[in-house]
């Protein structure tokens, strides 16, 4: 969509951290509860853990879709602020059901399309943010895209707040040094 705003990062872990910081600036609250599927890359949560963000692992079924019955029960006690839905192995996940869940519990919907090269079907159409990880497809040391979608579906958000200003403020908290390529190079050599 022409209203989408792309933000380039080295890795998706920075994108997830930025969405958490954006949420803090946009809502004027501290430390969101971030729901992550219980099958998720631990490395992507490294920054969130170091900054002491609250992470809640929600259950998924054998088909890698959220276990909605258990999610709805759990949300009564642990209301999500940010909900991460993963499109495992490039297969679109439960996008419409996730939008309904996020609307009901007033949560930001973050799609992790790490195994998707470009959007298809409903990927990237109903969420608030979408993550893509180009470095997983090409022989490059880094490259992750965070797409900030126009926040219009969330009637509970304060639309007087400037979403772009909140994103700029969030990005001021990024490390000023980019990751080195030596680790990536060594990993590629070991793979060869």
Protein backbone atom coordinates (compact mmCIF):
# COMPACT_ATOMS: atom_id res chain seq x y z
CA UNK A 1 0.00 0.00 0.00
CA UNK A 2 1.21 3.52 -0.71
CA UNK A 3 0.51 4.45 2.93
CA UNK A 4 2.93 1.77 4.23
CA UNK A 5 6.26 3.04 5.55
CA UNK A 6 9.35 0.82 5.12
CA UNK A 7 12.16 0.80 7.70
CA UNK A 8 15.38 -1.08 6.94
CA UNK A 9 17.33 -2.83 9.70
CA UNK A 10 20.17 -5.33 9.82
CA UNK A 11 18.18 -8.06 11.62
CA UNK A 12 14.55 -8.70 12.57
CA UNK A 13 15.44 -8.62 16.27
CA UNK A 14 15.92 -4.86 15.89
CA UNK A 15 12.55 -4.58 14.16
CA UNK A 16 10.78 -6.35 17.01
CA UNK A 17 12.55 -4.14 19.57
CA UNK A 18 11.55 -1.01 17.62
CA UNK A 19 7.88 -2.09 17.56
CA UNK A 20 8.02 -2.51 21.37
CA UNK A 21 9.62 0.94 21.78
CA UNK A 22 7.10 2.42 19.30
CA UNK A 23 4.26 0.94 21.40
CA UNK A 24 5.68 2.63 24.52
CA UNK A 25 5.88 6.04 22.80
CA UNK A 26 2.55 5.70 21.01
CA UNK A 27 0.55 4.59 24.08
CA UNK A 28 2.54 6.47 26.75
CA UNK A 29 2.79 3.22 28.72
CA UNK A 30 5.81 1.20 29.78
CA UNK A 31 6.90 -2.34 29.02
CA UNK A 32 4.36 -4.05 26.77
CA UNK A 33 3.50 -7.69 27.23
CA UNK A 34 4.67 -9.28 23.98
CA UNK A 35 3.04 -12.55 22.94
CA UNK A 36 5.35 -14.82 20.95
CA UNK A 37 4.55 -18.31 19.63
CA UNK A 38 6.16 -21.06 21.68
CA UNK A 39 8.12 -22.13 18.58
CA UNK A 40 10.24 -19.04 17.86
CA UNK A 41 13.87 -18.11 17.24
CA UNK A 42 15.45 -17.29 20.60
CA UNK A 43 18.05 -15.02 18.97
CA UNK A 44 15.25 -12.70 17.82
CA UNK A 45 14.25 -12.12 21.45
CA UNK A 46 17.77 -11.29 22.64
CA UNK A 47 17.31 -7.49 22.74
CA UNK A 48 13.86 -7.71 24.31
CA UNK A 49 15.26 -9.86 27.10
CA UNK A 50 18.25 -7.58 27.66
CA UNK A 51 15.88 -4.60 27.98
CA UNK A 52 13.67 -6.56 30.42
CA UNK A 53 10.54 -6.63 28.25
CA UNK A 54 7.83 -9.06 29.30
CA UNK A 55 7.56 -12.00 26.91
CA UNK A 56 4.70 -14.48 27.00
CA UNK A 57 4.87 -17.65 24.91
CA UNK A 58 1.48 -18.63 23.53
CA UNK A 59 0.69 -22.21 22.49
CA UNK A 60 0.57 -23.36 18.89
CA UNK A 61 -0.80 -26.60 17.50
CA UNK A 62 0.95 -29.23 15.39
CA UNK A 63 -0.10 -27.35 12.24
CA UNK A 64 1.84 -24.33 13.60
CA UNK A 65 -1.35 -22.25 13.98
CA UNK A 66 -2.14 -20.58 17.31
CA UNK A 67 -4.16 -22.66 19.73
CA UNK A 68 -6.97 -20.11 19.82
CA UNK A 69 -8.97 -21.77 22.58
CA UNK A 70 -6.02 -21.61 24.96
CA UNK A 71 -5.00 -18.13 23.72
CA UNK A 72 -8.42 -16.68 24.51
CA UNK A 73 -8.39 -18.23 27.98
CA UNK A 74 -4.84 -17.05 28.66
CA UNK A 75 -5.56 -13.51 27.43
CA UNK A 76 -8.09 -13.10 30.25
CA UNK A 77 -5.14 -13.16 32.67
CA UNK A 78 -2.19 -12.07 30.47
CA UNK A 79 -3.67 -9.50 28.07
CA UNK A 80 -1.31 -9.06 25.10
CA UNK A 81 -0.07 -5.62 24.08
CA UNK A 82 1.80 -6.91 21.02
CA UNK A 83 0.94 -10.21 19.35
CA UNK A 84 3.48 -11.77 16.96
CA UNK A 85 2.09 -14.16 14.33
CA UNK A 86 4.65 -16.17 12.35
CA UNK A 87 4.18 -17.39 8.78
CA UNK A 88 6.25 -20.54 9.21
CA UNK A 89 8.17 -21.75 6.16
CA UNK A 90 6.41 -19.21 3.91
CA UNK A 91 2.92 -20.59 4.51
CA UNK A 92 0.31 -17.92 5.39
CA UNK A 93 -0.94 -18.35 8.94
CA UNK A 94 -4.23 -17.36 10.62
CA UNK A 95 -4.21 -13.69 9.62
CA UNK A 96 -7.95 -12.92 9.91
CA UNK A 97 -8.35 -14.76 13.23
CA UNK A 98 -5.31 -12.94 14.59
CA UNK A 99 -6.77 -9.58 13.58
CA UNK A 100 -9.99 -10.46 15.43
CA UNK A 101 -8.03 -11.58 18.49
CA UNK A 102 -5.90 -8.42 18.51
CA UNK A 103 -8.95 -6.19 18.12
CA UNK A 104 -10.74 -7.91 20.98
CA UNK A 105 -7.78 -7.51 23.35
CA UNK A 106 -6.57 -4.17 21.97
CA UNK A 107 -3.19 -5.53 20.92
CA UNK A 108 -0.83 -4.51 18.14
CA UNK A 109 -0.68 -7.18 15.44
CA UNK A 110 2.88 -7.86 14.26
CA UNK A 111 3.33 -10.34 11.39
CA UNK A 112 6.66 -12.13 11.21
CA UNK A 113 7.00 -12.98 7.53
CA UNK A 114 10.62 -14.06 7.93
CA UNK A 115 10.19 -16.97 5.49
CA UNK A 116 8.25 -14.91 2.95
CA UNK A 117 10.12 -13.06 0.22
CA UNK A 118 7.21 -10.84 -0.82
CA UNK A 119 3.58 -10.56 0.29
CA UNK A 120 0.93 -12.84 -1.20
CA UNK A 121 -2.57 -13.93 -0.21
CA UNK A 122 -3.47 -11.92 2.91
CA UNK A 123 0.08 -11.47 4.19
CA UNK A 124 0.65 -7.84 5.11
CA UNK A 125 -2.97 -6.76 4.63
CA UNK A 126 -4.51 -6.81 8.13
CA UNK A 127 -1.61 -6.32 10.54
CA UNK A 128 -0.14 -3.17 12.04
CA UNK A 129 3.47 -4.12 11.25
CA UNK A 130 5.11 -6.76 9.03
CA UNK A 131 8.67 -8.11 9.28
CA UNK A 132 10.56 -9.52 6.31
CA UNK A 133 14.06 -11.02 6.53
CA UNK A 134 15.82 -10.74 3.18
CA UNK A 135 19.08 -12.10 4.58
CA UNK A 136 17.39 -15.51 4.90
CA UNK A 137 16.89 -15.67 1.13
CA UNK A 138 20.07 -14.10 -0.24
CA UNK A 139 23.75 -14.52 0.52
CA UNK A 140 24.02 -11.28 2.46
CA UNK A 141 25.10 -10.79 6.10
CA UNK A 142 22.07 -8.74 7.05
CA UNK A 143 18.90 -7.11 5.76
CA UNK A 144 15.50 -6.94 7.40
CA UNK A 145 12.50 -4.86 6.45
CA UNK A 146 9.90 -3.58 8.91
CA UNK A 147 6.76 -2.33 7.19
CA UNK A 148 4.80 0.13 9.27
CA UNK A 149 1.21 -0.01 8.10
CA UNK A 150 -1.24 2.83 8.50
CA UNK A 151 -2.82 2.34 11.92
CA UNK A 152 -6.50 2.71 11.11
CA UNK A 153 -8.16 -0.47 12.30
CA UNK A 154 -7.44 0.10 15.98
CA UNK A 155 -10.17 2.41 17.25
CA UNK A 156 -8.75 2.07 20.77
CA UNK A 157 -5.46 3.75 19.89
CA UNK A 158 -5.10 7.50 20.39
CA UNK A 159 -5.16 8.72 16.79
CA UNK A 160 -4.10 12.19 17.92
CA UNK A 161 -0.65 10.73 18.49
CA UNK A 162 1.73 10.93 15.56
CA UNK A 163 2.64 7.35 14.64
CA UNK A 164 5.66 8.48 12.58
CA UNK A 165 6.99 10.68 15.38
CA UNK A 166 6.64 7.75 17.78
CA UNK A 167 8.62 5.58 15.34
CA UNK A 168 11.40 8.18 15.10
CA UNK A 169 11.58 8.40 18.90
CA UNK A 170 11.70 4.61 19.11
CA UNK A 171 14.58 4.42 16.63
CA UNK A 172 16.64 6.77 18.79
CA UNK A 173 17.06 3.80 21.17
CA UNK A 174 18.87 1.61 18.64
CA UNK A 175 22.54 0.80 19.13
CA UNK A 176 24.70 3.23 17.19
CA UNK A 177 26.94 0.44 15.91
CA UNK A 178 25.91 -2.08 13.26
CA UNK A 179 26.66 -5.77 13.73
CA UNK A 180 29.93 -7.01 12.24
CA UNK A 181 30.12 -9.41 9.33
CA UNK A 182 32.87 -11.67 10.74
CA UNK A 183 30.37 -13.90 12.60
CA UNK A 184 28.25 -14.24 9.47
CA UNK A 185 31.32 -15.05 7.35
CA UNK A 186 32.49 -17.71 9.81
CA UNK A 187 29.02 -19.26 9.82
CA UNK A 188 29.03 -19.43 6.01
CA UNK A 189 32.49 -20.99 5.96
CA UNK A 190 31.38 -23.60 8.51
CA UNK A 191 28.29 -24.35 6.43
CA UNK A 192 30.43 -24.89 3.32
